[in-house]
Amino acid sequence: MTNTTRSWVWGAVAVLAILVGVWVWYLGSNATQINPVGYGKPATSTTGALAGPTAPIVPENRSSSTVAGVLESLQNDSRFSGLLSTTGVSATLTGKGPYTVFVPTDGSFGRLPTGTVNNLSATELKRLVQYHIISGKMIDVNAQVAGTVPALSKDALNFSYEIDDKSARVNSAKIVAAYKASNGIVYVVDTVLLPPLPPQN
């Protein structure tokens, strides 16, 4: 092998090593880990895409509290907490569970058309609150990115993955925070979940 050929071979090897190193670095910097519910670093940021395969939301662990206890400790959700109490649905959350509860922010109630909640009958109001609760399952929104799950109201909640902003959705609502409790999980959402209209006769 001539000196020229030897130099060419070693040069090619060096270039190949650099390319492999760059590729390994790229894969490492773009790797995404889907965290199971209750594990990993707590994250309750209220901005950006927080759920879905490329941006998992990691619940803050409050496993020393029940779902009801977590709800009492939350800020900016007094409207939903009040409805839980006045409709009697709060008593449902004192059991063994597990429960998944979607809690709309007070601001999300303010964005509803005037009279949406106030004009509901007692039965309709109870159904509205029950529509925010799943009994018997603790849903991991990082994994539940498609399909339907029945709510306590017996109406279907629809789960999907929004490609545009890389977020998991329940109906059209986006998860903005999550808290794991001893008997379930609480998700704060940016939209009030409205049950489907009853079929017309």
Protein backbone atom coordinates (compact mmCIF):
# COMPACT_ATOMS: atom_id res chain seq x y z
CA MET A 1 0.00 0.00 0.00
CA THR A 2 1.43 3.35 -1.04
CA ASN A 3 1.66 6.32 1.28
CA THR A 4 -1.02 8.11 -0.76
CA THR A 5 -3.43 5.17 -0.49
CA ARG A 6 -2.73 4.79 3.24
CA SER A 7 -3.44 8.48 3.82
CA TRP A 8 -6.67 8.26 1.88
CA VAL A 9 -7.86 5.23 3.90
CA TRP A 10 -7.07 6.85 7.26
CA GLY A 11 -8.79 10.04 6.13
CA ALA A 12 -11.93 8.12 5.20
CA VAL A 13 -11.90 6.34 8.58
CA ALA A 14 -11.59 9.67 10.41
CA VAL A 15 -14.52 11.19 8.48
CA LEU A 16 -16.64 8.10 9.18
CA ALA A 17 -15.85 8.28 12.91
CA ILE A 18 -16.88 11.94 13.00
CA LEU A 19 -20.18 11.20 11.22
CA VAL A 20 -20.97 8.34 13.62
CA GLY A 21 -20.19 10.58 16.61
CA VAL A 22 -22.48 13.33 15.32
CA TRP A 23 -25.31 10.82 14.72
CA VAL A 24 -25.01 9.36 18.22
CA TRP A 25 -25.07 12.88 19.71
CA TYR A 26 -28.16 13.77 17.67
CA LEU A 27 -30.06 10.68 18.78
CA GLY A 28 -29.18 11.30 22.41
CA SER A 29 -30.22 14.94 22.38
CA ASN A 30 -33.58 14.18 20.73
CA ALA A 31 -34.52 11.09 22.72
CA THR A 32 -37.91 11.26 24.44
CA GLN A 33 -38.91 9.23 27.47
CA ILE A 34 -42.53 8.51 28.25
CA ASN A 35 -42.83 8.57 32.03
CA PRO A 36 -45.37 6.33 33.75
CA VAL A 37 -47.86 8.05 36.03
CA GLY A 38 -46.25 8.99 39.33
CA TYR A 39 -42.63 8.69 38.27
CA GLY A 40 -40.00 11.20 37.25
CA LYS A 41 -39.47 14.86 38.02
CA PRO A 42 -42.67 16.73 39.00
CA ALA A 43 -43.83 19.18 36.34
CA THR A 44 -46.88 21.39 36.61
CA SER A 45 -46.07 24.12 34.10
CA THR A 46 -49.12 25.78 32.60
CA THR A 47 -47.55 26.71 29.28
CA GLY A 48 -46.66 24.85 26.14
CA ALA A 49 -47.49 21.32 25.04
CA LEU A 50 -47.44 19.16 28.13
CA ALA A 51 -48.67 15.78 26.98
CA GLY A 52 -48.29 13.28 24.21
CA PRO A 53 -45.50 11.04 22.96
CA THR A 54 -43.00 13.84 22.37
CA ALA A 55 -43.71 15.92 25.47
CA PRO A 56 -44.90 13.76 28.38
CA ILE A 57 -46.53 15.37 31.37
CA VAL A 58 -45.21 14.09 34.68
CA PRO A 59 -47.66 14.38 37.60
CA GLU A 60 -46.64 15.96 40.88
CA ASN A 61 -46.80 13.19 43.44
CA ARG A 62 -49.24 13.91 46.27
CA SER A 63 -49.90 10.28 47.12
CA SER A 64 -50.34 11.13 50.80
CA SER A 65 -53.60 12.88 49.82
CA THR A 66 -56.75 11.44 48.34
CA VAL A 67 -58.24 12.83 45.14
CA ALA A 68 -60.65 14.84 47.29
CA GLY A 69 -57.71 16.20 49.29
CA VAL A 70 -55.86 17.22 46.14
CA LEU A 71 -58.97 19.02 44.87
CA GLU A 72 -59.22 20.98 48.13
CA SER A 73 -55.59 22.10 47.82
CA LEU A 74 -55.79 23.37 44.23
CA GLN A 75 -55.99 27.04 43.39
CA ASN A 76 -58.09 28.58 40.60
CA ASP A 77 -60.61 25.73 40.58
CA SER A 78 -63.13 26.96 43.17
CA ARG A 79 -66.00 26.91 40.66
CA PHE A 80 -65.64 23.20 39.94
CA SER A 81 -65.05 22.36 43.62
CA GLY A 82 -68.24 24.21 44.47
CA LEU A 83 -70.20 22.25 41.88
CA LEU A 84 -68.76 18.99 43.21
CA SER A 85 -70.10 19.86 46.63
CA THR A 86 -73.52 21.26 45.69
CA THR A 87 -74.35 18.34 43.38
CA GLY A 88 -73.25 15.75 45.93
CA VAL A 89 -70.79 14.18 43.49
CA SER A 90 -67.89 14.85 45.86
CA ALA A 91 -69.07 11.92 48.00
CA THR A 92 -68.24 9.64 45.07
CA LEU A 93 -64.54 10.45 45.40
CA THR A 94 -64.17 9.22 48.98
CA GLY A 95 -63.95 5.56 48.02
CA LYS A 96 -61.04 3.29 47.20
CA GLY A 97 -60.97 4.29 43.54
CA PRO A 98 -59.00 4.62 41.44
CA TYR A 99 -60.42 7.82 40.00
CA THR A 100 -59.37 10.12 37.20
CA VAL A 101 -60.69 13.66 37.64
CA PHE A 102 -60.46 16.45 35.07
CA VAL A 103 -60.72 19.83 36.79
CA PRO A 104 -61.52 22.90 34.66
CA THR A 105 -59.92 26.17 35.74
CA ASP A 106 -62.12 29.02 36.92
CA GLY A 107 -61.09 30.90 33.79
CA SER A 108 -62.48 28.15 31.57
CA PHE A 109 -65.92 28.60 33.16
CA GLY A 110 -65.68 32.29 32.37
CA ARG A 111 -65.21 31.51 28.67
CA LEU A 112 -68.47 29.58 28.43
CA PRO A 113 -71.45 31.32 26.80
CA THR A 114 -73.58 33.17 29.35
CA GLY A 115 -76.03 30.86 31.10
CA THR A 116 -74.35 27.60 30.04
CA VAL A 117 -74.06 26.42 33.65
CA ASN A 118 -76.58 28.61 35.45
CA ASN A 119 -79.44 27.50 33.23
CA LEU A 120 -78.89 23.78 33.85
CA SER A 121 -81.36 21.79 35.93
CA ALA A 122 -80.09 19.96 39.02
CA THR A 123 -79.97 16.71 37.05
CA GLU A 124 -78.08 18.31 34.15
CA LEU A 125 -75.63 19.98 36.52
CA LYS A 126 -74.89 16.68 38.23
CA ARG A 127 -74.31 15.06 34.84
CA LEU A 128 -71.92 17.89 33.90
CA VAL A 129 -69.83 17.31 37.02
CA GLN A 130 -69.88 13.52 36.61
CA TYR A 131 -68.66 13.96 33.03
CA HIS A 132 -65.33 15.18 34.48
CA ILE A 133 -64.77 11.96 36.46
CA ILE A 134 -63.71 8.45 35.43
CA SER A 135 -64.31 5.86 38.13
CA GLY A 136 -62.34 2.61 38.31
CA LYS A 137 -59.43 3.75 36.12
CA MET A 138 -56.39 5.97 36.54
CA ILE A 139 -55.75 7.31 33.05
CA ASP A 140 -52.20 8.09 31.94
CA VAL A 141 -52.60 10.81 29.31
CA ASN A 142 -49.12 10.02 27.96
CA ALA A 143 -50.40 6.63 26.85
CA GLN A 144 -54.13 7.25 26.30
CA VAL A 145 -53.78 9.21 23.07
CA ALA A 146 -56.70 7.67 21.19
CA GLY A 147 -60.10 6.16 21.84
CA THR A 148 -62.94 6.72 24.29
CA VAL A 149 -63.45 6.02 27.99
CA PRO A 150 -66.84 6.21 29.75
CA ALA A 151 -67.17 8.94 32.38
CA LEU A 152 -69.12 8.62 35.61
CA SER A 153 -72.06 10.21 33.76
CA LYS A 154 -71.98 7.20 31.37
CA ASP A 155 -71.07 9.53 28.49
CA ALA A 156 -67.91 8.91 26.47
CA LEU A 157 -64.81 11.04 26.94
CA ASN A 158 -62.75 11.23 23.77
CA PHE A 159 -58.96 11.06 23.90
CA SER A 160 -56.79 12.19 21.01
CA TYR A 161 -53.34 13.47 20.15
CA GLU A 162 -52.98 16.93 18.58
CA ILE A 163 -50.12 16.82 16.10
CA ASP A 164 -49.87 20.61 15.67
CA ASP A 165 -48.97 21.41 19.27
CA LYS A 166 -47.93 17.90 20.35
CA SER A 167 -50.52 17.67 23.12
CA ALA A 168 -52.84 14.97 24.38
CA ARG A 169 -56.46 16.06 24.60
CA VAL A 170 -59.57 14.97 26.45
CA ASN A 171 -62.34 16.11 24.14
CA SER A 172 -60.93 19.52 23.10
CA ALA A 173 -59.36 20.29 26.48
CA LYS A 174 -55.61 20.46 27.02
CA ILE A 175 -53.97 19.18 30.21
CA VAL A 176 -52.17 21.99 32.04
CA ALA A 177 -51.17 20.23 35.29
CA ALA A 178 -51.39 16.80 36.93
CA TYR A 179 -51.37 15.53 40.52
CA LYS A 180 -51.16 11.91 41.60
CA ALA A 181 -53.21 11.04 44.70
CA SER A 182 -53.43 7.94 46.86
CA ASN A 183 -56.64 6.83 45.14
CA GLY A 184 -56.27 8.25 41.65
CA ILE A 185 -55.06 11.20 39.62
CA VAL A 186 -56.24 14.78 39.07
CA TYR A 187 -55.69 16.65 35.81
CA VAL A 188 -56.26 20.39 35.51
CA VAL A 189 -57.69 21.23 32.06
CA ASP A 190 -58.13 24.51 30.23
CA THR A 191 -61.69 23.85 29.02
CA VAL A 192 -64.95 22.80 30.68
CA LEU A 193 -65.95 19.35 29.42
CA LEU A 194 -69.54 19.53 28.18
CA PRO A 195 -71.39 16.21 27.89
CA PRO A 196 -72.99 15.45 24.53
CA LEU A 197 -76.53 16.62 23.99
CA PRO A 198 -79.16 13.92 24.65
CA PRO A 199 -80.67 12.41 21.50
CA GLN A 200 -83.76 14.18 20.21
CA ASN A 201 -86.99 12.16 20.12
